[in-house]
Structures are given as C-alpha cells and as structure tokens.
Protein backbone atom coordinates (compact mmCIF):
# COMPACT_ATOMS: atom_id res chain seq x y z
CA MET A 1 77.11 101.92 206.63
CA ASN A 2 78.84 104.33 204.67
CA ASP A 3 77.96 107.04 207.08
CA LEU A 4 79.72 105.10 209.78
CA LYS A 5 82.79 104.80 207.98
CA ILE A 6 82.87 108.59 207.33
CA LEU A 7 82.02 109.23 210.95
CA ARG A 8 84.89 106.85 212.08
CA GLU A 9 87.35 108.74 209.80
CA TYR A 10 86.17 112.04 211.10
CA PHE A 11 86.80 110.94 214.82
CA ARG A 12 90.28 109.58 214.04
CA GLY A 13 91.25 112.87 212.36
CA HIS A 14 89.60 115.19 215.13
CA LYS A 15 89.70 113.53 218.41
CA VAL A 16 90.20 116.96 220.39
CA GLY A 17 86.83 118.44 218.73
CA VAL A 18 84.90 115.18 219.32
CA ALA A 19 86.10 114.82 223.04
CA PHE A 20 85.27 118.51 223.50
CA ILE A 21 81.67 117.83 221.82
CA VAL A 22 81.10 114.92 224.27
CA LEU A 23 82.23 116.74 227.16
CA ALA A 24 79.76 119.65 226.55
CA ALA A 25 76.89 117.33 225.95
CA LEU A 26 77.74 115.55 229.27
CA VAL A 27 77.72 118.79 231.16
CA GLY A 28 74.54 119.97 229.14
CA ALA A 29 72.88 116.75 230.22
CA ILE A 30 73.80 117.02 233.80
CA LEU A 31 73.01 120.75 234.17
CA GLY A 32 69.47 119.94 232.53
CA ALA A 33 68.81 117.31 235.09
CA VAL A 34 69.69 119.46 238.03
CA ALA A 35 67.53 121.96 236.92
CA TYR A 36 64.59 119.76 236.18
CA TYR A 37 65.09 118.48 239.63
CA GLN A 38 65.52 121.49 241.38
CA GLY A 39 62.44 123.07 239.88
CA TRP A 40 64.09 125.87 237.95
CA LEU A 41 62.56 125.21 234.81
CA GLY A 42 59.34 127.18 236.23
C-alpha cells in the first residue's frame, strides 16, 4: 500500500508527464495491434 501512496503523490506532481506516458502506451498498443492484424510482423 505504501507504493500506491508514492505513486499517487507522483501523479499529483507530474500530471503532464503521466498523461504523456499513458498516451504513448496507448498509441504503441494501437500500432502493435494494427501491425499484428496486417501481418507486418513477419
């Protein structure tokens, strides 16, 4: 539970950075799914 408190404090102080990381992960997941279904992975 202590880790969650630290994580929550980090989110409060670095909202832009956290939003960027979440957005980048979402874009990466979408691109990965598209590449998989298009057969681009070999």
